Amino acid sequence: MARWNVVISEDTDRTVRSYLARTGGRKGDLSHFVDRAVRQAIFWETVETIQERNRRLSAEEAQALADEAVTQARADRS
């Protein structure tokens, strides 16, 4: 597990800590919250990058690429 030192605004700190307190937050929940937020941000950035890259493809071409990727992933698991 890695440790980060981050700087955020006082407003963001109060907002997140208030949210965690309202939802029954316990020790370690701030770290879990930040970890989840970072993972979601990376996921959505990746989705947007892929959508932009594939914007020029027709629906049929995109589906063929997706089918090919699924077939390859399944073959790799075997």
PDB file of N, CA and C in Angstrom:
ATOM      1  N   MET A   1       0.847  -1.167   0.000  1.00  0.00           N
ATOM      2  CA  MET A   1       0.000   0.000   0.000  1.00  0.00           C
ATOM      3  C   MET A   1       0.897   1.236   0.000  1.00  0.00           C
ATOM      4  N   ALA A   2       0.545   2.193  -0.809  1.00  0.00           N
ATOM      5  CA  ALA A   2       1.318   3.432  -0.923  1.00  0.00           C
ATOM      6  C   ALA A   2       0.667   4.531  -0.081  1.00  0.00           C
ATOM      7  N   ARG A   3       1.467   5.499   0.294  1.00  0.00           N
ATOM      8  CA  ARG A   3       0.958   6.663   1.020  1.00  0.00           C
ATOM      9  C   ARG A   3       1.134   7.889   0.136  1.00  0.00           C
ATOM     10  N   TRP A   4       0.129   8.729   0.096  1.00  0.00           N
ATOM     11  CA  TRP A   4       0.167   9.960  -0.667  1.00  0.00           C
ATOM     12  C   TRP A   4       0.034  11.136   0.278  1.00  0.00           C
ATOM     13  N   ASN A   5       0.672  12.206  -0.066  1.00  0.00           N
ATOM     14  CA  ASN A   5       0.421  13.497   0.564  1.00  0.00           C
ATOM     15  C   ASN A   5      -0.208  14.366  -0.507  1.00  0.00           C
ATOM     16  N   VAL A   6      -1.428  14.788  -0.271  1.00  0.00           N
ATOM     17  CA  VAL A   6      -2.131  15.600  -1.260  1.00  0.00           C
ATOM     18  C   VAL A   6      -2.590  16.895  -0.604  1.00  0.00           C
ATOM     19  N   VAL A   7      -2.754  17.909  -1.422  1.00  0.00           N
ATOM     20  CA  VAL A   7      -3.258  19.189  -0.947  1.00  0.00           C
ATOM     21  C   VAL A   7      -4.587  19.438  -1.650  1.00  0.00           C
ATOM     22  N   ILE A   8      -5.621  19.683  -0.855  1.00  0.00           N
ATOM     23  CA  ILE A   8      -6.948  19.987  -1.396  1.00  0.00           C
ATOM     24  C   ILE A   8      -7.471  21.233  -0.692  1.00  0.00           C
ATOM     25  N   SER A   9      -8.485  21.820  -1.268  1.00  0.00           N
ATOM     26  CA  SER A   9      -9.048  23.031  -0.673  1.00  0.00           C
ATOM     27  C   SER A   9      -9.753  22.700   0.642  1.00  0.00           C
ATOM     28  N   GLU A  10      -9.844  23.704   1.490  1.00  0.00           N
ATOM     29  CA  GLU A  10     -10.557  23.544   2.765  1.00  0.00           C
ATOM     30  C   GLU A  10     -12.011  23.165   2.515  1.00  0.00           C
ATOM     31  N   ASP A  11     -12.609  23.758   1.489  1.00  0.00           N
ATOM     32  CA  ASP A  11     -14.008  23.477   1.165  1.00  0.00           C
ATOM     33  C   ASP A  11     -14.199  22.009   0.793  1.00  0.00           C
ATOM     34  N   THR A  12     -13.310  21.489  -0.044  1.00  0.00           N
ATOM     35  CA  THR A  12     -13.397  20.078  -0.436  1.00  0.00           C
ATOM     36  C   THR A  12     -13.195  19.184   0.773  1.00  0.00           C
ATOM     37  N   ASP A  13     -12.258  19.523   1.633  1.00  0.00           N
ATOM     38  CA  ASP A  13     -12.011  18.739   2.837  1.00  0.00           C
ATOM     39  C   ASP A  13     -13.261  18.687   3.709  1.00  0.00           C
ATOM     40  N   ARG A  14     -13.870  19.836   3.959  1.00  0.00           N
ATOM     41  CA  ARG A  14     -15.081  19.877   4.790  1.00  0.00           C
ATOM     42  C   ARG A  14     -16.216  19.092   4.141  1.00  0.00           C
ATOM     43  N   THR A  15     -16.363  19.247   2.829  1.00  0.00           N
ATOM     44  CA  THR A  15     -17.448  18.569   2.123  1.00  0.00           C
ATOM     45  C   THR A  15     -17.300  17.052   2.217  1.00  0.00           C
ATOM     46  N   VAL A  16     -16.105  16.556   1.958  1.00  0.00           N
ATOM     47  CA  VAL A  16     -15.882  15.105   1.985  1.00  0.00           C
ATOM     48  C   VAL A  16     -16.025  14.568   3.402  1.00  0.00           C
ATOM     49  N   ARG A  17     -15.427  15.238   4.358  1.00  0.00           N
ATOM     50  CA  ARG A  17     -15.511  14.755   5.744  1.00  0.00           C
ATOM     51  C   ARG A  17     -16.941  14.809   6.271  1.00  0.00           C
ATOM     52  N   SER A  18     -17.692  15.831   5.892  1.00  0.00           N
ATOM     53  CA  SER A  18     -19.108  15.907   6.289  1.00  0.00           C
ATOM     54  C   SER A  18     -19.903  14.773   5.662  1.00  0.00           C
ATOM     55  N   TYR A  19     -19.645  14.524   4.381  1.00  0.00           N
ATOM     56  CA  TYR A  19     -20.326  13.424   3.696  1.00  0.00           C
ATOM     57  C   TYR A  19     -20.028  12.095   4.391  1.00  0.00           C
ATOM     58  N   LEU A  20     -18.764  11.851   4.675  1.00  0.00           N
ATOM     59  CA  LEU A  20     -18.394  10.590   5.327  1.00  0.00           C
ATOM     60  C   LEU A  20     -19.025  10.490   6.717  1.00  0.00           C
ATOM     61  N   ALA A  21     -19.082  11.580   7.456  1.00  0.00           N
ATOM     62  CA  ALA A  21     -19.697  11.564   8.783  1.00  0.00           C
ATOM     63  C   ALA A  21     -21.191  11.259   8.688  1.00  0.00           C
ATOM     64  N   ARG A  22     -21.872  11.862   7.695  1.00  0.00           N
ATOM     65  CA  ARG A  22     -23.316  11.627   7.511  1.00  0.00           C
ATOM     66  C   ARG A  22     -23.614  10.195   7.113  1.00  0.00           C
ATOM     67  N   THR A  23     -22.684   9.565   6.417  1.00  0.00           N
ATOM     68  CA  THR A  23     -22.921   8.206   5.926  1.00  0.00           C
ATOM     69  C   THR A  23     -22.296   7.145   6.830  1.00  0.00           C
ATOM     70  N   GLY A  24     -21.952   7.538   8.050  1.00  0.00           N
ATOM     71  CA  GLY A  24     -21.429   6.562   9.008  1.00  0.00           C
ATOM     72  C   GLY A  24     -19.981   6.201   8.784  1.00  0.00           C
ATOM     73  N   GLY A  25     -19.217   7.132   8.259  1.00  0.00           N
ATOM     74  CA  GLY A  25     -17.804   6.877   7.967  1.00  0.00           C
ATOM     75  C   GLY A  25     -17.017   6.488   9.205  1.00  0.00           C
ATOM     76  N   ARG A  26     -16.057   5.611   8.992  1.00  0.00           N
ATOM     77  CA  ARG A  26     -15.177   5.154  10.065  1.00  0.00           C
ATOM     78  C   ARG A  26     -13.732   5.388   9.669  1.00  0.00           C
ATOM     79  N   LYS A  27     -12.845   4.999  10.558  1.00  0.00           N
ATOM     80  CA  LYS A  27     -11.420   5.151  10.294  1.00  0.00           C
ATOM     81  C   LYS A  27     -11.063   4.434   8.991  1.00  0.00           C
ATOM     82  N   GLY A  28     -10.310   5.104   8.142  1.00  0.00           N
ATOM     83  CA  GLY A  28      -9.895   4.524   6.873  1.00  0.00           C
ATOM     84  C   GLY A  28     -10.828   4.825   5.716  1.00  0.00           C
ATOM     85  N   ASP A  29     -12.024   5.331   6.013  1.00  0.00           N
ATOM     86  CA  ASP A  29     -12.985   5.589   4.941  1.00  0.00           C
ATOM     87  C   ASP A  29     -12.550   6.721   4.023  1.00  0.00           C
ATOM     88  N   LEU A  30     -11.818   7.694   4.532  1.00  0.00           N
ATOM     89  CA  LEU A  30     -11.328   8.768   3.668  1.00  0.00           C
ATOM     90  C   LEU A  30     -10.387   8.193   2.613  1.00  0.00           C
ATOM     91  N   SER A  31      -9.508   7.303   3.025  1.00  0.00           N
ATOM     92  CA  SER A  31      -8.595   6.668   2.067  1.00  0.00           C
ATOM     93  C   SER A  31      -9.367   5.849   1.036  1.00  0.00           C
ATOM     94  N   HIS A  32     -10.358   5.121   1.477  1.00  0.00           N
ATOM     95  CA  HIS A  32     -11.170   4.327   0.546  1.00  0.00           C
ATOM     96  C   HIS A  32     -11.932   5.231  -0.424  1.00  0.00           C
ATOM     97  N   PHE A  33     -12.436   6.354   0.105  1.00  0.00           N
ATOM     98  CA  PHE A  33     -13.164   7.301  -0.725  1.00  0.00           C
ATOM     99  C   PHE A  33     -12.268   7.868  -1.818  1.00  0.00           C
ATOM    100  N   VAL A  34     -11.059   8.279  -1.438  1.00  0.00           N
ATOM    101  CA  VAL A  34     -10.109   8.842  -2.399  1.00  0.00           C
ATOM    102  C   VAL A  34      -9.698   7.781  -3.417  1.00  0.00           C
ATOM    103  N   ASP A  35      -9.424   6.576  -2.963  1.00  0.00           N
ATOM    104  CA  ASP A  35      -9.029   5.492  -3.866  1.00  0.00           C
ATOM    105  C   ASP A  35     -10.125   5.244  -4.903  1.00  0.00           C
ATOM    106  N   ARG A  36     -11.371   5.182  -4.439  1.00  0.00           N
ATOM    107  CA  ARG A  36     -12.491   4.950  -5.356  1.00  0.00           C
ATOM    108  C   ARG A  36     -12.637   6.102  -6.348  1.00  0.00           C
ATOM    109  N   ALA A  37     -12.501   7.328  -5.855  1.00  0.00           N
ATOM    110  CA  ALA A  37     -12.635   8.499  -6.724  1.00  0.00           C
ATOM    111  C   ALA A  37     -11.557   8.511  -7.807  1.00  0.00           C
ATOM    112  N   VAL A  38     -10.341   8.167  -7.434  1.00  0.00           N
ATOM    113  CA  VAL A  38      -9.244   8.140  -8.405  1.00  0.00           C
ATOM    114  C   VAL A  38      -9.491   7.052  -9.440  1.00  0.00           C
ATOM    115  N   ARG A  39      -9.907   5.877  -8.984  1.00  0.00           N
ATOM    116  CA  ARG A  39     -10.198   4.786  -9.930  1.00  0.00           C
ATOM    117  C   ARG A  39     -11.311   5.168 -10.899  1.00  0.00           C
ATOM    118  N   GLN A  40     -12.366   5.812 -10.386  1.00  0.00           N
ATOM    119  CA  GLN A  40     -13.461   6.239 -11.258  1.00  0.00           C
ATOM    120  C   GLN A  40     -12.991   7.285 -12.264  1.00  0.00           C
ATOM    121  N   ALA A  41     -12.173   8.221 -11.811  1.00  0.00           N
ATOM    122  CA  ALA A  41     -11.669   9.260 -12.713  1.00  0.00           C
ATOM    123  C   ALA A  41     -10.838   8.642 -13.837  1.00  0.00           C
ATOM    124  N   ILE A  42      -9.984   7.687 -13.486  1.00  0.00           N
ATOM    125  CA  ILE A  42      -9.161   7.022 -14.506  1.00  0.00           C
ATOM    126  C   ILE A  42     -10.043   6.246 -15.465  1.00  0.00           C
ATOM    127  N   PHE A  43     -11.055   5.542 -14.932  1.00  0.00           N
ATOM    128  CA  PHE A  43     -11.972   4.787 -15.784  1.00  0.00           C
ATOM    129  C   PHE A  43     -12.645   5.707 -16.804  1.00  0.00           C
ATOM    130  N   TRP A  44     -13.232   6.826 -16.321  1.00  0.00           N
ATOM    131  CA  TRP A  44     -13.954   7.714 -17.230  1.00  0.00           C
ATOM    132  C   TRP A  44     -13.031   8.424 -18.209  1.00  0.00           C
ATOM    133  N   GLU A  45     -11.818   8.752 -17.796  1.00  0.00           N
ATOM    134  CA  GLU A  45     -10.835   9.318 -18.733  1.00  0.00           C
ATOM    135  C   GLU A  45     -10.513   8.310 -19.828  1.00  0.00           C
ATOM    136  N   THR A  46     -10.379   7.042 -19.442  1.00  0.00           N
ATOM    137  CA  THR A  46     -10.104   5.982 -20.417  1.00  0.00           C
ATOM    138  C   THR A  46     -11.263   5.819 -21.388  1.00  0.00           C
ATOM    139  N   VAL A  47     -12.491   5.818 -20.853  1.00  0.00           N
ATOM    140  CA  VAL A  47     -13.683   5.702 -21.706  1.00  0.00           C
ATOM    141  C   VAL A  47     -13.726   6.849 -22.709  1.00  0.00           C
ATOM    142  N   GLU A  48     -13.504   8.068 -22.233  1.00  0.00           N
ATOM    143  CA  GLU A  48     -13.534   9.224 -23.135  1.00  0.00           C
ATOM    144  C   GLU A  48     -12.442   9.149 -24.199  1.00  0.00           C
ATOM    145  N   THR A  49     -11.264   8.675 -23.825  1.00  0.00           N
ATOM    146  CA  THR A  49     -10.168   8.534 -24.782  1.00  0.00           C
ATOM    147  C   THR A  49     -10.528   7.520 -25.864  1.00  0.00           C
ATOM    148  N   ILE A  50     -11.088   6.398 -25.444  1.00  0.00           N
ATOM    149  CA  ILE A  50     -11.474   5.353 -26.400  1.00  0.00           C
ATOM    150  C   ILE A  50     -12.600   5.851 -27.303  1.00  0.00           C
ATOM    151  N   GLN A  51     -13.585   6.541 -26.717  1.00  0.00           N
ATOM    152  CA  GLN A  51     -14.679   7.068 -27.534  1.00  0.00           C
ATOM    153  C   GLN A  51     -14.164   8.057 -28.573  1.00  0.00           C
ATOM    154  N   GLU A  52     -13.250   8.912 -28.168  1.00  0.00           N
ATOM    155  CA  GLU A  52     -12.683   9.881 -29.110  1.00  0.00           C
ATOM    156  C   GLU A  52     -11.904   9.167 -30.216  1.00  0.00           C
ATOM    157  N   ARG A  53     -11.120   8.172 -29.824  1.00  0.00           N
ATOM    158  CA  ARG A  53     -10.321   7.421 -30.801  1.00  0.00           C
ATOM    159  C   ARG A  53     -11.211   6.692 -31.804  1.00  0.00           C
ATOM    160  N   ASN A  54     -12.362   6.208 -31.329  1.00  0.00           N
ATOM    161  CA  ASN A  54     -13.235   5.402 -32.187  1.00  0.00           C
ATOM    162  C   ASN A  54     -14.369   6.193 -32.822  1.00  0.00           C
ATOM    163  N   ARG A  55     -14.362   7.498 -32.636  1.00  0.00           N
ATOM    164  CA  ARG A  55     -15.453   8.333 -33.145  1.00  0.00           C
ATOM    165  C   ARG A  55     -15.639   8.184 -34.660  1.00  0.00           C
ATOM    166  N   ARG A  56     -14.567   7.934 -35.378  1.00  0.00           N
ATOM    167  CA  ARG A  56     -14.637   7.854 -36.841  1.00  0.00           C
ATOM    168  C   ARG A  56     -15.152   6.502 -37.336  1.00  0.00           C
ATOM    169  N   LEU A  57     -15.274   5.520 -36.442  1.00  0.00           N
ATOM    170  CA  LEU A  57     -15.724   4.184 -36.844  1.00  0.00           C
ATOM    171  C   LEU A  57     -17.233   4.131 -36.968  1.00  0.00           C
ATOM    172  N   SER A  58     -17.690   3.302 -37.900  1.00  0.00           N
ATOM    173  CA  SER A  58     -19.125   3.044 -37.986  1.00  0.00           C
ATOM    174  C   SER A  58     -19.503   2.104 -36.841  1.00  0.00           C
ATOM    175  N   ALA A  59     -20.789   1.978 -36.586  1.00  0.00           N
ATOM    176  CA  ALA A  59     -21.261   1.087 -35.528  1.00  0.00           C
ATOM    177  C   ALA A  59     -20.829  -0.356 -35.798  1.00  0.00           C
ATOM    178  N   GLU A  60     -20.864  -0.740 -37.057  1.00  0.00           N
ATOM    179  CA  GLU A  60     -20.480  -2.106 -37.425  1.00  0.00           C
ATOM    180  C   GLU A  60     -18.988  -2.351 -37.189  1.00  0.00           C
ATOM    181  N   GLU A  61     -18.154  -1.371 -37.544  1.00  0.00           N
ATOM    182  CA  GLU A  61     -16.714  -1.504 -37.323  1.00  0.00           C
ATOM    183  C   GLU A  61     -16.393  -1.571 -35.832  1.00  0.00           C
ATOM    184  N   ALA A  62     -17.060  -0.726 -35.055  1.00  0.00           N
ATOM    185  CA  ALA A  62     -16.834  -0.728 -33.605  1.00  0.00           C
ATOM    186  C   ALA A  62     -17.253  -2.055 -32.999  1.00  0.00           C
ATOM    187  N   GLN A  63     -18.394  -2.594 -33.438  1.00  0.00           N
ATOM    188  CA  GLN A  63     -18.869  -3.881 -32.919  1.00  0.00           C
ATOM    189  C   GLN A  63     -17.915  -5.004 -33.300  1.00  0.00           C
ATOM    190  N   ALA A  64     -17.387  -4.971 -34.517  1.00  0.00           N
ATOM    191  CA  ALA A  64     -16.432  -5.998 -34.953  1.00  0.00           C
ATOM    192  C   ALA A  64     -15.156  -5.946 -34.100  1.00  0.00           C
ATOM    193  N   LEU A  65     -14.669  -4.755 -33.797  1.00  0.00           N
ATOM    194  CA  LEU A  65     -13.486  -4.637 -32.940  1.00  0.00           C
ATOM    195  C   LEU A  65     -13.764  -5.139 -31.531  1.00  0.00           C
ATOM    196  N   ALA A  66     -14.952  -4.814 -31.007  1.00  0.00           N
ATOM    197  CA  ALA A  66     -15.318  -5.285 -29.667  1.00  0.00           C
ATOM    198  C   ALA A  66     -15.431  -6.803 -29.648  1.00  0.00           C
ATOM    199  N   ASP A  67     -16.053  -7.374 -30.653  1.00  0.00           N
ATOM    200  CA  ASP A  67     -16.182  -8.832 -30.731  1.00  0.00           C
ATOM    201  C   ASP A  67     -14.818  -9.500 -30.808  1.00  0.00           C
ATOM    202  N   GLU A  68     -13.930  -8.924 -31.577  1.00  0.00           N
ATOM    203  CA  GLU A  68     -12.576  -9.463 -31.708  1.00  0.00           C
ATOM    204  C   GLU A  68     -11.839  -9.404 -30.359  1.00  0.00           C
ATOM    205  N   ALA A  69     -11.994  -8.304 -29.637  1.00  0.00           N
ATOM    206  CA  ALA A  69     -11.332  -8.154 -28.335  1.00  0.00           C
ATOM    207  C   ALA A  69     -11.877  -9.161 -27.324  1.00  0.00           C
ATOM    208  N   VAL A  70     -13.182  -9.374 -27.328  1.00  0.00           N
ATOM    209  CA  VAL A  70     -13.783 -10.355 -26.415  1.00  0.00           C
ATOM    210  C   VAL A  70     -13.296 -11.755 -26.744  1.00  0.00           C
ATOM    211  N   THR A  71     -13.266 -12.091 -28.018  1.00  0.00           N
ATOM    212  CA  THR A  71     -12.777 -13.410 -28.441  1.00  0.00           C
ATOM    213  C   THR A  71     -11.334 -13.618 -28.003  1.00  0.00           C
ATOM    214  N   GLN A  72     -10.503 -12.603 -28.187  1.00  0.00           N
ATOM    215  CA  GLN A  72      -9.094 -12.698 -27.782  1.00  0.00           C
ATOM    216  C   GLN A  72      -8.960 -12.838 -26.271  1.00  0.00           C
ATOM    217  N   ALA A  73      -9.740 -12.078 -25.526  1.00  0.00           N
ATOM    218  CA  ALA A  73      -9.678 -12.148 -24.058  1.00  0.00           C
ATOM    219  C   ALA A  73     -10.086 -13.526 -23.572  1.00  0.00           C
ATOM    220  N   ARG A  74     -11.099 -14.078 -24.170  1.00  0.00           N
ATOM    221  CA  ARG A  74     -11.553 -15.428 -23.779  1.00  0.00           C
ATOM    222  C   ARG A  74     -10.508 -16.471 -24.129  1.00  0.00           C
ATOM    223  N   ALA A  75      -9.857 -16.301 -25.264  1.00  0.00           N
ATOM    224  CA  ALA A  75      -8.813 -17.250 -25.666  1.00  0.00           C
ATOM    225  C   ALA A  75      -7.621 -17.161 -24.726  1.00  0.00           C
ATOM    226  N   ASP A  76      -7.284 -15.964 -24.267  1.00  0.00           N
ATOM    227  CA  ASP A  76      -6.166 -15.770 -23.356  1.00  0.00           C
ATOM    228  C   ASP A  76      -6.428 -16.412 -22.007  1.00  0.00           C
ATOM    229  N   ARG A  77      -7.694 -16.481 -21.578  1.00  0.00           N
ATOM    230  CA  ARG A  77      -8.035 -17.088 -20.291  1.00  0.00           C
ATOM    231  C   ARG A  77      -7.947 -18.608 -20.332  1.00  0.00           C
ATOM    232  N   SER A  78      -8.045 -19.163 -21.502  1.00  0.00           N
ATOM    233  CA  SER A  78      -8.058 -20.635 -21.639  1.00  0.00           C
ATOM    234  C   SER A  78      -6.681 -21.223 -21.597  1.00  0.00           C
TER     235      SER A  78
END
